[in-house]
Amino acid sequence: MGWESFLKAVLYNIDIFAGPVVTLLYPLYSSIRVIESPSRLDDQQWLTYWVLYSFMTLFELSFSRVLEWLPFWPYVKLIATCWLVLPVFKGAAYVYENFVR
């Protein structure tokens, strides 16, 4: 019964545990690696990510009163951030190529 409760609590709060890893730790690590690489394509991915992350944070700060009424917002943010960050999707590069350029 102890493991069940623990697992249920972890799954219920996955956004709290995974959020900082996905939004900050992995991008920081990848950005440091990219600074050392000669490729400009990687720079584009991570610079675009940090700009989008800043916009997302500004949006959250501006509309915090509205967002606290939406119980699914943390999960939407986590999924969107995973799409932007994960190398499989390269969402930040996609946003740059299709919306910024």
N, C-alpha and C. Protein backbone atom coordinates (compact mmCIF):
# COMPACT_ATOMS: atom_id res chain seq x y z
N MET A 1 0.82 -1.19 0.00
CA MET A 1 0.00 0.00 0.00
C MET A 1 0.86 1.25 0.00
N GLY A 2 2.06 1.21 0.53
CA GLY A 2 2.95 2.36 0.56
C GLY A 2 3.42 2.75 -0.83
N TRP A 3 3.81 1.74 -1.64
CA TRP A 3 4.28 2.02 -3.01
C TRP A 3 3.16 2.54 -3.88
N GLU A 4 1.96 2.02 -3.68
CA GLU A 4 0.80 2.47 -4.44
C GLU A 4 0.54 3.95 -4.20
N SER A 5 0.58 4.35 -2.94
CA SER A 5 0.35 5.75 -2.58
C SER A 5 1.43 6.64 -3.15
N PHE A 6 2.67 6.18 -3.05
CA PHE A 6 3.80 6.95 -3.58
C PHE A 6 3.69 7.11 -5.08
N LEU A 7 3.41 6.03 -5.79
CA LEU A 7 3.29 6.07 -7.24
C LEU A 7 2.13 6.96 -7.67
N LYS A 8 1.03 6.88 -6.96
CA LYS A 8 -0.12 7.71 -7.26
C LYS A 8 0.22 9.19 -7.06
N ALA A 9 0.93 9.50 -6.01
CA ALA A 9 1.32 10.89 -5.74
C ALA A 9 2.28 11.41 -6.81
N VAL A 10 3.23 10.57 -7.23
CA VAL A 10 4.18 10.97 -8.28
C VAL A 10 3.45 11.21 -9.59
N LEU A 11 2.56 10.31 -9.97
CA LEU A 11 1.84 10.48 -11.23
C LEU A 11 0.89 11.67 -11.19
N TYR A 12 0.30 11.91 -10.06
CA TYR A 12 -0.61 13.04 -9.92
C TYR A 12 0.14 14.37 -10.03
N ASN A 13 1.38 14.40 -9.56
CA ASN A 13 2.19 15.62 -9.55
C ASN A 13 3.34 15.57 -10.55
N ILE A 14 3.16 14.87 -11.65
CA ILE A 14 4.25 14.71 -12.62
C ILE A 14 4.74 16.05 -13.15
N ASP A 15 3.85 17.02 -13.27
CA ASP A 15 4.25 18.33 -13.76
C ASP A 15 5.21 19.03 -12.79
N ILE A 16 5.05 18.77 -11.50
CA ILE A 16 5.91 19.39 -10.51
C ILE A 16 7.31 18.76 -10.54
N PHE A 17 7.37 17.45 -10.75
CA PHE A 17 8.66 16.76 -10.79
C PHE A 17 9.37 16.94 -12.12
N ALA A 18 8.64 16.77 -13.22
CA ALA A 18 9.26 16.81 -14.54
C ALA A 18 9.40 18.23 -15.08
N GLY A 19 8.58 19.14 -14.63
CA GLY A 19 8.61 20.50 -15.14
C GLY A 19 9.97 21.16 -15.10
N PRO A 20 10.61 21.26 -13.95
CA PRO A 20 11.93 21.90 -13.90
C PRO A 20 13.00 21.18 -14.72
N VAL A 21 12.91 19.87 -14.80
CA VAL A 21 13.88 19.10 -15.58
C VAL A 21 13.73 19.42 -17.07
N VAL A 22 12.48 19.43 -17.53
CA VAL A 22 12.22 19.64 -18.96
C VAL A 22 12.39 21.10 -19.34
N THR A 23 11.96 22.02 -18.50
CA THR A 23 12.00 23.43 -18.87
C THR A 23 13.34 24.10 -18.60
N LEU A 24 14.11 23.61 -17.62
CA LEU A 24 15.34 24.30 -17.27
C LEU A 24 16.60 23.44 -17.34
N LEU A 25 16.62 22.31 -16.65
CA LEU A 25 17.87 21.54 -16.55
C LEU A 25 18.36 20.99 -17.89
N TYR A 26 17.50 20.31 -18.62
CA TYR A 26 17.91 19.76 -19.91
C TYR A 26 18.26 20.86 -20.91
N PRO A 27 17.44 21.93 -21.04
CA PRO A 27 17.83 23.00 -21.95
C PRO A 27 19.13 23.70 -21.56
N LEU A 28 19.37 23.88 -20.27
CA LEU A 28 20.64 24.49 -19.84
C LEU A 28 21.82 23.61 -20.22
N TYR A 29 21.71 22.33 -19.97
CA TYR A 29 22.77 21.39 -20.33
C TYR A 29 23.00 21.39 -21.84
N SER A 30 21.92 21.32 -22.60
CA SER A 30 22.05 21.29 -24.06
C SER A 30 22.60 22.60 -24.60
N SER A 31 22.22 23.72 -24.00
CA SER A 31 22.72 25.01 -24.45
C SER A 31 24.23 25.13 -24.23
N ILE A 32 24.69 24.61 -23.11
CA ILE A 32 26.13 24.63 -22.85
C ILE A 32 26.87 23.77 -23.85
N ARG A 33 26.32 22.61 -24.17
CA ARG A 33 26.94 21.73 -25.18
C ARG A 33 26.95 22.40 -26.56
N VAL A 34 25.89 23.09 -26.89
CA VAL A 34 25.76 23.73 -28.20
C VAL A 34 26.76 24.89 -28.35
N ILE A 35 27.02 25.59 -27.26
CA ILE A 35 27.98 26.69 -27.32
C ILE A 35 29.34 26.18 -27.79
N GLU A 36 29.69 24.97 -27.39
CA GLU A 36 30.97 24.37 -27.75
C GLU A 36 30.99 23.76 -29.15
N SER A 37 29.84 23.51 -29.75
CA SER A 37 29.81 22.85 -31.05
C SER A 37 29.93 23.87 -32.18
N PRO A 38 30.47 23.45 -33.32
CA PRO A 38 30.63 24.38 -34.44
C PRO A 38 29.34 24.58 -35.26
N SER A 39 28.34 23.75 -35.07
CA SER A 39 27.12 23.81 -35.86
C SER A 39 26.25 25.01 -35.48
N ARG A 40 25.72 25.71 -36.47
CA ARG A 40 24.86 26.85 -36.22
C ARG A 40 23.40 26.42 -36.08
N LEU A 41 23.07 25.25 -36.58
CA LEU A 41 21.70 24.76 -36.50
C LEU A 41 21.27 24.54 -35.04
N ASP A 42 22.16 23.99 -34.24
CA ASP A 42 21.88 23.78 -32.83
C ASP A 42 21.68 25.10 -32.10
N ASP A 43 22.49 26.09 -32.46
CA ASP A 43 22.35 27.41 -31.83
C ASP A 43 20.95 27.96 -32.07
N GLN A 44 20.48 27.80 -33.28
CA GLN A 44 19.16 28.28 -33.65
C GLN A 44 18.08 27.60 -32.79
N GLN A 45 18.18 26.30 -32.62
CA GLN A 45 17.20 25.55 -31.82
C GLN A 45 17.13 26.09 -30.40
N TRP A 46 18.29 26.23 -29.76
CA TRP A 46 18.27 26.58 -28.34
C TRP A 46 18.04 28.06 -28.10
N LEU A 47 18.52 28.93 -28.97
CA LEU A 47 18.20 30.35 -28.82
C LEU A 47 16.69 30.58 -28.99
N THR A 48 16.12 29.90 -29.96
CA THR A 48 14.67 30.01 -30.16
C THR A 48 13.92 29.46 -28.95
N TYR A 49 14.39 28.36 -28.40
CA TYR A 49 13.74 27.81 -27.21
C TYR A 49 13.74 28.83 -26.07
N TRP A 50 14.87 29.46 -25.82
CA TRP A 50 14.95 30.40 -24.70
C TRP A 50 14.06 31.62 -24.92
N VAL A 51 13.92 32.06 -26.15
CA VAL A 51 13.01 33.17 -26.45
C VAL A 51 11.56 32.73 -26.19
N LEU A 52 11.20 31.54 -26.68
CA LEU A 52 9.84 31.03 -26.46
C LEU A 52 9.57 30.76 -24.99
N TYR A 53 10.57 30.27 -24.27
CA TYR A 53 10.41 30.05 -22.83
C TYR A 53 10.17 31.38 -22.11
N SER A 54 10.86 32.42 -22.54
CA SER A 54 10.65 33.75 -21.95
C SER A 54 9.24 34.25 -22.22
N PHE A 55 8.76 34.06 -23.45
CA PHE A 55 7.39 34.46 -23.77
C PHE A 55 6.38 33.67 -22.95
N MET A 56 6.63 32.37 -22.79
CA MET A 56 5.71 31.54 -22.01
C MET A 56 5.69 31.99 -20.54
N THR A 57 6.84 32.31 -20.00
CA THR A 57 6.92 32.78 -18.61
C THR A 57 6.22 34.13 -18.47
N LEU A 58 6.44 35.03 -19.42
CA LEU A 58 5.77 36.32 -19.39
C LEU A 58 4.26 36.16 -19.49
N PHE A 59 3.81 35.24 -20.35
CA PHE A 59 2.38 34.94 -20.47
C PHE A 59 1.82 34.43 -19.15
N GLU A 60 2.55 33.52 -18.52
CA GLU A 60 2.09 32.97 -17.23
C GLU A 60 2.01 34.05 -16.16
N LEU A 61 2.99 34.92 -16.12
CA LEU A 61 2.98 35.98 -15.12
C LEU A 61 1.85 36.98 -15.37
N SER A 62 1.58 37.25 -16.63
CA SER A 62 0.55 38.22 -16.98
C SER A 62 -0.86 37.68 -16.75
N PHE A 63 -1.06 36.41 -17.00
CA PHE A 63 -2.40 35.82 -16.91
C PHE A 63 -2.51 34.79 -15.79
N SER A 64 -1.77 34.98 -14.73
CA SER A 64 -1.76 33.99 -13.64
C SER A 64 -3.13 33.84 -13.00
N ARG A 65 -3.89 34.91 -12.88
CA ARG A 65 -5.22 34.82 -12.28
C ARG A 65 -6.16 33.94 -13.10
N VAL A 66 -6.04 34.03 -14.40
CA VAL A 66 -6.89 33.21 -15.28
C VAL A 66 -6.38 31.78 -15.31
N LEU A 67 -5.08 31.60 -15.38
CA LEU A 67 -4.50 30.26 -15.51
C LEU A 67 -4.70 29.41 -14.26
N GLU A 68 -4.82 30.04 -13.10
CA GLU A 68 -5.03 29.25 -11.89
C GLU A 68 -6.42 28.61 -11.87
N TRP A 69 -7.32 29.08 -12.72
CA TRP A 69 -8.64 28.46 -12.83
C TRP A 69 -8.66 27.30 -13.81
N LEU A 70 -7.57 27.12 -14.54
CA LEU A 70 -7.48 26.03 -15.51
C LEU A 70 -6.61 24.92 -14.92
N PRO A 71 -7.21 23.85 -14.43
CA PRO A 71 -6.44 22.79 -13.77
C PRO A 71 -5.51 22.04 -14.73
N PHE A 72 -5.77 22.12 -16.02
CA PHE A 72 -4.95 21.40 -16.99
C PHE A 72 -3.79 22.23 -17.51
N TRP A 73 -3.66 23.50 -17.11
CA TRP A 73 -2.59 24.35 -17.63
C TRP A 73 -1.19 23.79 -17.38
N PRO A 74 -0.85 23.31 -16.19
CA PRO A 74 0.51 22.78 -16.00
C PRO A 74 0.83 21.62 -16.94
N TYR A 75 -0.16 20.80 -17.26
CA TYR A 75 0.08 19.67 -18.16
C TYR A 75 0.23 20.15 -19.60
N VAL A 76 -0.56 21.14 -19.99
CA VAL A 76 -0.43 21.71 -21.33
C VAL A 76 0.95 22.34 -21.49
N LYS A 77 1.39 23.05 -20.47
CA LYS A 77 2.71 23.69 -20.50
C LYS A 77 3.81 22.63 -20.58
N LEU A 78 3.68 21.55 -19.82
CA LEU A 78 4.68 20.49 -19.84
C LEU A 78 4.74 19.82 -21.21
N ILE A 79 3.60 19.54 -21.81
CA ILE A 79 3.58 18.91 -23.13
C ILE A 79 4.16 19.85 -24.18
N ALA A 80 3.78 21.13 -24.13
CA ALA A 80 4.31 22.10 -25.09
C ALA A 80 5.82 22.25 -24.94
N THR A 81 6.29 22.28 -23.71
CA THR A 81 7.72 22.41 -23.47
C THR A 81 8.46 21.17 -23.94
N CYS A 82 7.90 19.99 -23.72
CA CYS A 82 8.52 18.76 -24.24
C CYS A 82 8.64 18.82 -25.75
N TRP A 83 7.59 19.31 -26.41
CA TRP A 83 7.62 19.43 -27.86
C TRP A 83 8.70 20.41 -28.32
N LEU A 84 8.87 21.50 -27.58
CA LEU A 84 9.90 22.48 -27.93
C LEU A 84 11.30 21.95 -27.69
N VAL A 85 11.49 21.17 -26.64
CA VAL A 85 12.82 20.81 -26.17
C VAL A 85 13.36 19.51 -26.75
N LEU A 86 12.56 18.48 -26.78
CA LEU A 86 13.07 17.15 -27.12
C LEU A 86 13.63 17.09 -28.54
N PRO A 87 14.80 16.49 -28.70
CA PRO A 87 15.44 16.43 -30.01
C PRO A 87 14.64 15.65 -31.05
N VAL A 88 13.77 14.78 -30.62
CA VAL A 88 12.94 14.02 -31.56
C VAL A 88 12.00 14.96 -32.32
N PHE A 89 11.46 15.94 -31.64
CA PHE A 89 10.48 16.86 -32.24
C PHE A 89 11.11 18.13 -32.80
N LYS A 90 12.12 18.67 -32.11
CA LYS A 90 12.75 19.95 -32.49
C LYS A 90 11.70 21.03 -32.72
N GLY A 91 10.82 21.18 -31.75
CA GLY A 91 9.72 22.12 -31.87
C GLY A 91 10.17 23.56 -31.95
N ALA A 92 11.21 23.94 -31.22
CA ALA A 92 11.68 25.32 -31.27
C ALA A 92 12.21 25.66 -32.66
N ALA A 93 12.94 24.74 -33.28
CA ALA A 93 13.44 24.96 -34.63
C ALA A 93 12.27 25.06 -35.62
N TYR A 94 11.24 24.25 -35.41
CA TYR A 94 10.05 24.29 -36.26
C TYR A 94 9.37 25.65 -36.16
N VAL A 95 9.22 26.15 -34.94
CA VAL A 95 8.59 27.47 -34.74
C VAL A 95 9.42 28.54 -35.43
N TYR A 96 10.73 28.46 -35.29
CA TYR A 96 11.60 29.46 -35.93
C TYR A 96 11.46 29.42 -37.45
N GLU A 97 11.53 28.23 -38.02
CA GLU A 97 11.48 28.10 -39.48
C GLU A 97 10.12 28.48 -40.05
N ASN A 98 9.03 28.17 -39.36
CA ASN A 98 7.70 28.38 -39.92
C ASN A 98 6.99 29.67 -39.49
N PHE A 99 7.41 30.27 -38.38
CA PHE A 99 6.69 31.44 -37.90
C PHE A 99 7.57 32.68 -37.79
N VAL A 100 8.84 32.52 -37.49
CA VAL A 100 9.71 33.67 -37.32
C VAL A 100 10.32 34.10 -38.65
N ARG A 101 10.79 33.16 -39.42
CA ARG A 101 11.43 33.49 -40.70
C ARG A 101 10.42 33.84 -41.71
